[in-house]
């Protein structure tokens, strides 16, 4: 993983939000991730994401993280999404691919 992120965060509230997203993205969960711009990606969480230290383009240090969603329907079989771009996570039934009850 790169040591650079498009955006980094130092505010405790922002970091807490990123950590909450990690708890919504457990290993091997089938999820739909909705980004702030409305993009929705559905797949299986390849590995538990973590909030880590990165630098932005101005060399400011802060926190961010990524989640890798795997699905054969995605280009290359997976998509990597920065945690800070996620608006919400929808847990899906791993068999039906529909929202879990």
N, C-alpha and C. Protein backbone atom coordinates (compact mmCIF):
# COMPACT_ATOMS: atom_id res chain seq x y z
N UNK A 1 0.85 -1.18 0.00
CA UNK A 1 0.00 0.00 0.00
C UNK A 1 0.89 1.24 0.00
N UNK A 2 0.46 2.24 -0.68
CA UNK A 2 1.19 3.50 -0.77
C UNK A 2 1.22 4.21 0.57
N UNK A 3 2.19 5.07 0.75
CA UNK A 3 2.22 5.87 1.97
C UNK A 3 1.46 7.18 1.78
N UNK A 4 0.90 7.39 0.58
CA UNK A 4 0.16 8.62 0.29
C UNK A 4 -1.33 8.34 0.12
N UNK A 5 -2.13 9.30 0.59
CA UNK A 5 -3.59 9.24 0.44
C UNK A 5 -4.05 10.57 -0.14
N UNK A 6 -5.16 10.55 -0.88
CA UNK A 6 -5.66 11.81 -1.43
C UNK A 6 -6.06 12.80 -0.34
N UNK A 7 -6.48 12.28 0.81
CA UNK A 7 -6.93 13.11 1.92
C UNK A 7 -6.53 12.40 3.21
N UNK A 8 -6.03 13.16 4.19
CA UNK A 8 -5.71 12.61 5.51
C UNK A 8 -6.44 13.39 6.59
N UNK A 9 -6.64 12.75 7.72
CA UNK A 9 -7.43 13.34 8.80
C UNK A 9 -6.68 13.27 10.12
N UNK A 10 -6.80 14.37 10.90
CA UNK A 10 -6.19 14.42 12.22
C UNK A 10 -7.21 14.70 13.31
N UNK A 11 -8.39 15.18 12.94
CA UNK A 11 -9.44 15.47 13.92
C UNK A 11 -9.95 14.16 14.53
N UNK A 12 -10.04 14.08 15.87
CA UNK A 12 -10.50 12.85 16.51
C UNK A 12 -11.88 12.38 16.03
N UNK A 13 -12.78 13.30 15.71
CA UNK A 13 -14.10 12.93 15.22
C UNK A 13 -14.03 12.27 13.85
N UNK A 14 -13.17 12.79 12.99
CA UNK A 14 -12.99 12.21 11.66
C UNK A 14 -12.37 10.81 11.75
N UNK A 15 -11.40 10.67 12.63
CA UNK A 15 -10.74 9.37 12.80
C UNK A 15 -11.72 8.36 13.39
N UNK A 16 -12.56 8.80 14.32
CA UNK A 16 -13.57 7.90 14.90
C UNK A 16 -14.55 7.43 13.82
N UNK A 17 -14.92 8.31 12.90
CA UNK A 17 -15.81 7.92 11.81
C UNK A 17 -15.16 6.84 10.94
N UNK A 18 -13.87 7.01 10.63
CA UNK A 18 -13.15 6.01 9.84
C UNK A 18 -13.12 4.66 10.57
N UNK A 19 -12.88 4.72 11.88
CA UNK A 19 -12.83 3.48 12.68
C UNK A 19 -14.19 2.81 12.74
N UNK A 20 -15.27 3.60 12.77
CA UNK A 20 -16.62 3.03 12.75
C UNK A 20 -16.86 2.30 11.44
N UNK A 21 -16.40 2.89 10.34
CA UNK A 21 -16.55 2.23 9.04
C UNK A 21 -15.82 0.88 9.02
N UNK A 22 -14.66 0.81 9.65
CA UNK A 22 -13.91 -0.45 9.72
C UNK A 22 -14.77 -1.51 10.39
N UNK A 23 -15.46 -1.15 11.46
CA UNK A 23 -16.29 -2.13 12.16
C UNK A 23 -17.49 -2.57 11.31
N UNK A 24 -17.89 -1.75 10.33
CA UNK A 24 -18.98 -2.10 9.42
C UNK A 24 -18.51 -2.94 8.23
N UNK A 25 -17.20 -3.19 8.15
CA UNK A 25 -16.61 -3.89 7.00
C UNK A 25 -15.79 -5.10 7.46
N UNK A 26 -16.43 -6.07 8.13
CA UNK A 26 -15.68 -7.22 8.61
C UNK A 26 -15.18 -8.11 7.46
N UNK A 27 -14.12 -8.81 7.74
CA UNK A 27 -13.53 -9.75 6.80
C UNK A 27 -14.58 -10.69 6.21
N UNK A 28 -14.59 -10.82 4.91
CA UNK A 28 -15.48 -11.73 4.16
C UNK A 28 -16.95 -11.33 4.16
N UNK A 29 -17.28 -10.13 4.61
CA UNK A 29 -18.68 -9.68 4.58
C UNK A 29 -19.08 -9.32 3.16
N UNK A 30 -20.32 -9.64 2.81
CA UNK A 30 -20.88 -9.22 1.53
C UNK A 30 -21.58 -7.89 1.79
N UNK A 31 -21.12 -6.83 1.11
CA UNK A 31 -21.63 -5.48 1.37
C UNK A 31 -21.82 -4.70 0.08
N UNK A 32 -22.63 -3.66 0.17
CA UNK A 32 -22.68 -2.62 -0.85
C UNK A 32 -22.16 -1.36 -0.16
N UNK A 33 -21.22 -0.71 -0.81
CA UNK A 33 -20.62 0.51 -0.28
C UNK A 33 -21.10 1.67 -1.15
N UNK A 34 -21.71 2.67 -0.51
CA UNK A 34 -22.19 3.85 -1.21
C UNK A 34 -21.23 4.99 -0.89
N UNK A 35 -20.67 5.58 -1.94
CA UNK A 35 -19.73 6.69 -1.77
C UNK A 35 -20.47 8.03 -1.78
N UNK A 36 -19.81 9.08 -1.33
CA UNK A 36 -20.40 10.42 -1.27
C UNK A 36 -20.94 10.88 -2.62
N UNK A 37 -20.30 10.45 -3.72
CA UNK A 37 -20.75 10.87 -5.05
C UNK A 37 -21.87 9.99 -5.60
N UNK A 38 -22.35 9.03 -4.80
CA UNK A 38 -23.43 8.15 -5.22
C UNK A 38 -22.99 6.84 -5.83
N UNK A 39 -21.71 6.69 -6.13
CA UNK A 39 -21.21 5.43 -6.67
C UNK A 39 -21.46 4.31 -5.66
N UNK A 40 -22.01 3.20 -6.14
CA UNK A 40 -22.26 2.05 -5.28
C UNK A 40 -21.47 0.87 -5.82
N UNK A 41 -20.73 0.21 -4.94
CA UNK A 41 -19.96 -0.98 -5.31
C UNK A 41 -20.37 -2.10 -4.38
N UNK A 42 -20.68 -3.26 -4.96
CA UNK A 42 -21.05 -4.42 -4.17
C UNK A 42 -19.96 -5.48 -4.33
N UNK A 43 -19.61 -6.10 -3.20
CA UNK A 43 -18.59 -7.14 -3.24
C UNK A 43 -18.36 -7.72 -1.87
N UNK A 44 -17.34 -8.54 -1.78
CA UNK A 44 -16.95 -9.19 -0.54
C UNK A 44 -15.70 -8.50 -0.02
N UNK A 45 -15.70 -8.16 1.27
CA UNK A 45 -14.54 -7.52 1.89
C UNK A 45 -13.39 -8.53 1.90
N UNK A 46 -12.32 -8.22 1.19
CA UNK A 46 -11.20 -9.15 1.02
C UNK A 46 -10.41 -9.32 2.31
N UNK A 47 -10.25 -8.26 3.08
CA UNK A 47 -9.52 -8.30 4.34
C UNK A 47 -10.00 -7.13 5.18
N UNK A 48 -10.02 -7.34 6.47
CA UNK A 48 -10.45 -6.28 7.39
C UNK A 48 -9.63 -5.02 7.14
N UNK A 49 -10.29 -3.90 6.78
CA UNK A 49 -9.52 -2.67 6.56
C UNK A 49 -8.99 -2.13 7.90
N UNK A 50 -7.98 -1.31 7.83
CA UNK A 50 -7.44 -0.67 9.03
C UNK A 50 -7.25 0.82 8.75
N UNK A 51 -7.35 1.60 9.82
CA UNK A 51 -7.06 3.03 9.74
C UNK A 51 -5.56 3.16 9.98
N UNK A 52 -4.87 3.80 9.05
CA UNK A 52 -3.42 3.89 9.10
C UNK A 52 -2.94 5.31 8.87
N UNK A 53 -1.68 5.51 9.16
CA UNK A 53 -1.05 6.80 8.93
C UNK A 53 -0.63 6.92 7.46
N UNK A 54 -0.99 8.05 6.86
CA UNK A 54 -0.62 8.37 5.48
C UNK A 54 -0.16 9.82 5.42
N UNK A 55 0.35 10.21 4.27
CA UNK A 55 0.68 11.60 3.99
C UNK A 55 -0.13 12.03 2.78
N UNK A 56 -0.49 13.34 2.77
CA UNK A 56 -1.18 13.85 1.58
C UNK A 56 -0.14 14.45 0.64
N UNK A 57 -0.60 15.06 -0.45
CA UNK A 57 0.33 15.60 -1.45
C UNK A 57 1.20 16.72 -0.93
N UNK A 58 0.78 17.36 0.19
CA UNK A 58 1.58 18.44 0.80
C UNK A 58 2.46 17.92 1.94
N UNK A 59 2.53 16.58 2.06
CA UNK A 59 3.33 15.90 3.09
C UNK A 59 2.75 16.04 4.50
N UNK A 60 1.47 16.46 4.62
CA UNK A 60 0.82 16.48 5.93
C UNK A 60 0.52 15.04 6.32
N UNK A 61 0.80 14.70 7.58
CA UNK A 61 0.54 13.34 8.04
C UNK A 61 -0.81 13.28 8.74
N UNK A 62 -1.54 12.19 8.49
CA UNK A 62 -2.84 11.99 9.12
C UNK A 62 -3.31 10.57 8.87
N UNK A 63 -4.57 10.33 9.11
CA UNK A 63 -5.12 8.98 9.04
C UNK A 63 -6.12 8.83 7.89
N UNK A 64 -6.17 7.62 7.35
CA UNK A 64 -7.16 7.21 6.36
C UNK A 64 -7.04 5.70 6.25
N UNK A 65 -7.72 5.11 5.31
CA UNK A 65 -7.64 3.67 5.11
C UNK A 65 -8.35 3.29 3.83
N UNK A 66 -8.22 2.04 3.45
CA UNK A 66 -8.88 1.54 2.25
C UNK A 66 -9.56 0.21 2.56
N UNK A 67 -10.59 -0.07 1.77
CA UNK A 67 -11.21 -1.39 1.79
C UNK A 67 -11.12 -1.94 0.38
N UNK A 68 -10.85 -3.22 0.29
CA UNK A 68 -10.80 -3.88 -1.01
C UNK A 68 -12.01 -4.80 -1.10
N UNK A 69 -12.86 -4.52 -2.10
CA UNK A 69 -14.04 -5.34 -2.34
C UNK A 69 -13.77 -6.21 -3.55
N UNK A 70 -14.01 -7.51 -3.40
CA UNK A 70 -13.79 -8.45 -4.49
C UNK A 70 -15.13 -8.89 -5.07
N UNK A 71 -15.18 -8.95 -6.39
CA UNK A 71 -16.35 -9.43 -7.12
C UNK A 71 -15.91 -9.66 -8.55
N UNK A 72 -16.23 -10.81 -9.11
CA UNK A 72 -15.81 -11.12 -10.47
C UNK A 72 -16.41 -10.16 -11.49
N UNK A 73 -17.50 -9.47 -11.12
CA UNK A 73 -18.12 -8.51 -12.02
C UNK A 73 -17.41 -7.17 -12.07
N UNK A 74 -16.47 -6.94 -11.17
CA UNK A 74 -15.73 -5.68 -11.14
C UNK A 74 -14.52 -5.77 -12.07
N UNK A 75 -14.11 -4.65 -12.67
CA UNK A 75 -12.90 -4.67 -13.51
C UNK A 75 -11.71 -5.15 -12.69
N UNK A 76 -11.02 -6.16 -13.19
CA UNK A 76 -9.88 -6.72 -12.46
C UNK A 76 -10.29 -7.63 -11.32
N UNK A 77 -11.59 -7.77 -11.08
CA UNK A 77 -12.08 -8.65 -10.03
C UNK A 77 -12.17 -8.02 -8.66
N UNK A 78 -11.75 -6.75 -8.54
CA UNK A 78 -11.84 -6.08 -7.24
C UNK A 78 -11.83 -4.56 -7.43
N UNK A 79 -12.18 -3.87 -6.35
CA UNK A 79 -12.11 -2.40 -6.33
C UNK A 79 -11.62 -1.98 -4.95
N UNK A 80 -10.70 -1.04 -4.91
CA UNK A 80 -10.19 -0.49 -3.66
C UNK A 80 -10.80 0.89 -3.46
N UNK A 81 -11.37 1.12 -2.27
CA UNK A 81 -12.08 2.37 -1.97
C UNK A 81 -11.48 2.99 -0.71
N UNK A 82 -11.18 4.28 -0.78
CA UNK A 82 -10.71 5.01 0.41
C UNK A 82 -11.87 5.12 1.40
N UNK A 83 -11.59 4.86 2.67
CA UNK A 83 -12.63 4.88 3.70
C UNK A 83 -13.33 6.22 3.79
N UNK A 84 -12.59 7.32 3.63
CA UNK A 84 -13.21 8.64 3.80
C UNK A 84 -14.22 8.97 2.70
N UNK A 85 -14.23 8.19 1.62
CA UNK A 85 -15.17 8.44 0.53
C UNK A 85 -16.49 7.69 0.72
N UNK A 86 -16.56 6.88 1.78
CA UNK A 86 -17.74 6.05 2.00
C UNK A 86 -18.81 6.84 2.77
N UNK A 87 -19.99 6.89 2.19
CA UNK A 87 -21.16 7.52 2.82
C UNK A 87 -21.85 6.53 3.77
N UNK A 88 -22.04 5.29 3.26
CA UNK A 88 -22.65 4.27 4.11
C UNK A 88 -22.32 2.88 3.59
N UNK A 89 -22.50 1.91 4.48
CA UNK A 89 -22.26 0.51 4.16
C UNK A 89 -23.57 -0.24 4.36
N UNK A 90 -23.96 -1.02 3.38
CA UNK A 90 -25.17 -1.84 3.47
C UNK A 90 -24.74 -3.29 3.56
N UNK A 91 -25.06 -3.94 4.67
CA UNK A 91 -24.74 -5.36 4.85
C UNK A 91 -25.70 -6.18 4.01
N UNK A 92 -25.18 -7.14 3.26
CA UNK A 92 -26.00 -7.98 2.39
C UNK A 92 -25.97 -9.43 2.87
N UNK A 93 -27.02 -10.12 2.59
CA UNK A 93 -27.07 -11.55 2.84
C UNK A 93 -26.07 -12.20 1.90
N UNK A 94 -25.13 -12.95 2.42
CA UNK A 94 -24.06 -13.50 1.59
C UNK A 94 -24.55 -14.52 0.57
N UNK A 95 -25.74 -15.09 0.77
CA UNK A 95 -26.26 -16.06 -0.17
C UNK A 95 -27.11 -15.39 -1.23
N UNK A 96 -28.01 -14.50 -0.81
CA UNK A 96 -28.96 -13.87 -1.74
C UNK A 96 -28.44 -12.58 -2.35
N UNK A 97 -27.49 -11.93 -1.69
CA UNK A 97 -27.01 -10.64 -2.17
C UNK A 97 -28.01 -9.53 -1.93
N UNK A 98 -28.94 -9.74 -1.00
CA UNK A 98 -29.93 -8.72 -0.67
C UNK A 98 -29.67 -8.18 0.72
N UNK A 99 -30.22 -7.00 1.06
CA UNK A 99 -29.98 -6.46 2.40
C UNK A 99 -30.33 -7.46 3.48
N UNK A 100 -29.41 -7.59 4.44
CA UNK A 100 -29.63 -8.51 5.55
C UNK A 100 -30.74 -8.00 6.45
N UNK A 101 -31.50 -8.90 7.01
CA UNK A 101 -32.61 -8.50 7.89
C UNK A 101 -32.12 -8.19 9.28
